[in-house]
Amino acid sequence: MESVRAGDVVGRLGGDEFAILIDGGTGETASSIATRIRQAFAQTLTTHGLEVGVSIGIDGAKPGNTLDDLLRQADIRLYRAKGSTPRVRKLVLGTG
């Protein structure tokens, strides 16, 4: 994956959902990576006659939060992005 840094961890959560753990990054780092991912999807991609798009939710770690907390908040932001206009590539950022 050319959109992420060498030390980032990319994993599939299930279905069509993936997570990227960015160690030592800032909100700006996460936003930059998300922008690169969105740009990779900028041209309409089709597979088996279906259009493929991307929605991204980002959350930053806070003291006392667990990995589950982090993923839950990012998932909330992801579904806000998914709930917007169909096929629009959206990014929803947040800090908690």
C-alpha atoms as a PDB file:
ATOM      1  CA  MET A   1       0.000   0.000   0.000  1.00  0.00           C
ATOM      2  CA  GLU A   2       1.628   3.165  -1.192  1.00  0.00           C
ATOM      3  CA  SER A   3      -0.764   5.369   0.785  1.00  0.00           C
ATOM      4  CA  VAL A   4       0.570   4.443   4.232  1.00  0.00           C
ATOM      5  CA  ARG A   5       3.968   4.706   5.907  1.00  0.00           C
ATOM      6  CA  ALA A   6       6.321   1.756   6.416  1.00  0.00           C
ATOM      7  CA  GLY A   7       5.528   1.423  10.158  1.00  0.00           C
ATOM      8  CA  ASP A   8       1.742   1.750   9.862  1.00  0.00           C
ATOM      9  CA  VAL A   9      -0.386  -1.356  10.395  1.00  0.00           C
ATOM     10  CA  VAL A  10      -3.223  -2.059   7.959  1.00  0.00           C
ATOM     11  CA  GLY A  11      -5.799  -4.695   8.818  1.00  0.00           C
ATOM     12  CA  ARG A  12      -9.186  -5.864   7.657  1.00  0.00           C
ATOM     13  CA  LEU A  13     -11.884  -5.574  10.319  1.00  0.00           C
ATOM     14  CA  GLY A  14     -14.431  -7.517   8.300  1.00  0.00           C
ATOM     15  CA  GLY A  15     -16.573  -7.152   5.228  1.00  0.00           C
ATOM     16  CA  ASP A  16     -15.543  -3.970   3.467  1.00  0.00           C
ATOM     17  CA  GLU A  17     -13.980  -2.294   6.520  1.00  0.00           C
ATOM     18  CA  PHE A  18     -10.276  -1.801   7.119  1.00  0.00           C
ATOM     19  CA  ALA A  19      -8.310  -0.042   9.866  1.00  0.00           C
ATOM     20  CA  ILE A  20      -4.926   1.647   9.782  1.00  0.00           C
ATOM     21  CA  LEU A  21      -3.048   2.078  13.052  1.00  0.00           C
ATOM     22  CA  ILE A  22      -0.688   5.034  12.771  1.00  0.00           C
ATOM     23  CA  ASP A  23       1.971   4.940  15.454  1.00  0.00           C
ATOM     24  CA  GLY A  24       3.609   8.235  16.366  1.00  0.00           C
ATOM     25  CA  GLY A  25       1.504  10.267  13.986  1.00  0.00           C
ATOM     26  CA  THR A  26      -0.574  13.381  14.440  1.00  0.00           C
ATOM     27  CA  GLY A  27      -4.028  14.311  13.203  1.00  0.00           C
ATOM     28  CA  GLU A  28      -2.277  15.929  10.268  1.00  0.00           C
ATOM     29  CA  THR A  29      -0.461  12.656   9.534  1.00  0.00           C
ATOM     30  CA  ALA A  30      -3.755  10.734   9.586  1.00  0.00           C
ATOM     31  CA  SER A  31      -5.426  13.324   7.387  1.00  0.00           C
ATOM     32  CA  SER A  32      -2.566  13.161   4.888  1.00  0.00           C
ATOM     33  CA  ILE A  33      -2.772   9.363   4.706  1.00  0.00           C
ATOM     34  CA  ALA A  34      -6.566   9.539   4.313  1.00  0.00           C
ATOM     35  CA  THR A  35      -6.167  12.073   1.511  1.00  0.00           C
ATOM     36  CA  ARG A  36      -3.764   9.758  -0.324  1.00  0.00           C
ATOM     37  CA  ILE A  37      -6.233   6.888   0.046  1.00  0.00           C
ATOM     38  CA  ARG A  38      -9.072   9.068  -1.251  1.00  0.00           C
ATOM     39  CA  GLN A  39      -6.918  10.153  -4.201  1.00  0.00           C
ATOM     40  CA  ALA A  40      -6.289   6.499  -5.039  1.00  0.00           C
ATOM     41  CA  PHE A  41     -10.074   6.155  -5.364  1.00  0.00           C
ATOM     42  CA  ALA A  42     -10.500   9.519  -7.121  1.00  0.00           C
ATOM     43  CA  GLN A  43     -11.102   7.939 -10.478  1.00  0.00           C
ATOM     44  CA  THR A  44     -14.215   5.839 -10.602  1.00  0.00           C
ATOM     45  CA  LEU A  45     -13.279   2.218 -10.090  1.00  0.00           C
ATOM     46  CA  THR A  46     -15.591  -0.537 -11.194  1.00  0.00           C
ATOM     47  CA  THR A  47     -15.411  -4.213 -10.492  1.00  0.00           C
ATOM     48  CA  HIS A  48     -17.957  -6.731 -11.756  1.00  0.00           C
ATOM     49  CA  GLY A  49     -20.017  -3.780 -12.992  1.00  0.00           C
ATOM     50  CA  LEU A  50     -20.220  -2.144  -9.548  1.00  0.00           C
ATOM     51  CA  GLU A  51     -18.741   1.240  -8.684  1.00  0.00           C
ATOM     52  CA  VAL A  52     -16.259   1.234  -5.800  1.00  0.00           C
ATOM     53  CA  GLY A  53     -15.925   4.227  -3.457  1.00  0.00           C
ATOM     54  CA  VAL A  54     -14.362   5.014  -0.105  1.00  0.00           C
ATOM     55  CA  SER A  55     -15.530   6.516   3.198  1.00  0.00           C
ATOM     56  CA  ILE A  56     -13.028   7.232   5.968  1.00  0.00           C
ATOM     57  CA  GLY A  57     -13.448   7.861   9.692  1.00  0.00           C
ATOM     58  CA  ILE A  58     -10.489   9.024  11.792  1.00  0.00           C
ATOM     59  CA  ASP A  59     -10.045   9.246  15.544  1.00  0.00           C
ATOM     60  CA  GLY A  60      -6.977   9.984  17.646  1.00  0.00           C
ATOM     61  CA  ALA A  61      -5.882   8.144  20.770  1.00  0.00           C
ATOM     62  CA  LYS A  62      -6.495   9.900  24.069  1.00  0.00           C
ATOM     63  CA  PRO A  63      -5.145   9.070  27.530  1.00  0.00           C
ATOM     64  CA  GLY A  64      -7.169   6.301  29.126  1.00  0.00           C
ATOM     65  CA  ASN A  65      -8.766   5.130  25.887  1.00  0.00           C
ATOM     66  CA  THR A  66      -8.465   1.526  24.807  1.00  0.00           C
ATOM     67  CA  LEU A  67      -8.033   0.262  21.268  1.00  0.00           C
ATOM     68  CA  ASP A  68     -11.733  -0.645  21.334  1.00  0.00           C
ATOM     69  CA  ASP A  69     -12.589   2.977  22.249  1.00  0.00           C
ATOM     70  CA  LEU A  70     -10.460   4.252  19.377  1.00  0.00           C
ATOM     71  CA  LEU A  71     -11.996   1.882  16.836  1.00  0.00           C
ATOM     72  CA  ARG A  72     -15.530   2.635  18.074  1.00  0.00           C
ATOM     73  CA  GLN A  73     -15.071   6.409  17.613  1.00  0.00           C
ATOM     74  CA  ALA A  74     -13.479   5.966  14.189  1.00  0.00           C
ATOM     75  CA  ASP A  75     -16.364   3.651  13.244  1.00  0.00           C
ATOM     76  CA  ILE A  76     -18.905   6.312  14.267  1.00  0.00           C
ATOM     77  CA  ARG A  77     -17.150   8.817  12.014  1.00  0.00           C
ATOM     78  CA  LEU A  78     -16.969   6.252   9.216  1.00  0.00           C
ATOM     79  CA  TYR A  79     -20.724   5.708   9.325  1.00  0.00           C
ATOM     80  CA  ARG A  80     -21.317   9.473   9.288  1.00  0.00           C
ATOM     81  CA  ALA A  81     -19.287   9.573   6.082  1.00  0.00           C
ATOM     82  CA  LYS A  82     -21.101   6.542   4.658  1.00  0.00           C
ATOM     83  CA  GLY A  83     -24.463   8.120   5.480  1.00  0.00           C
ATOM     84  CA  SER A  84     -23.769  11.080   3.246  1.00  0.00           C
ATOM     85  CA  THR A  85     -24.442  11.293  -0.467  1.00  0.00           C
ATOM     86  CA  PRO A  86     -23.872   7.911  -2.136  1.00  0.00           C
ATOM     87  CA  ARG A  87     -20.617   7.451  -4.024  1.00  0.00           C
ATOM     88  CA  VAL A  88     -19.163  10.671  -2.642  1.00  0.00           C
ATOM     89  CA  ARG A  89     -15.741  10.117  -1.184  1.00  0.00           C
ATOM     90  CA  LYS A  90     -15.820  11.650   2.284  1.00  0.00           C
ATOM     91  CA  LEU A  91     -13.512  12.017   5.221  1.00  0.00           C
ATOM     92  CA  VAL A  92     -14.782  12.625   8.767  1.00  0.00           C
ATOM     93  CA  LEU A  93     -12.158  13.667  11.313  1.00  0.00           C
ATOM     94  CA  GLY A  94     -12.465  13.885  15.053  1.00  0.00           C
ATOM     95  CA  THR A  95     -10.700  13.825  18.363  1.00  0.00           C
ATOM     96  CA  GLY A  96     -13.222  12.069  20.522  1.00  0.00           C
END
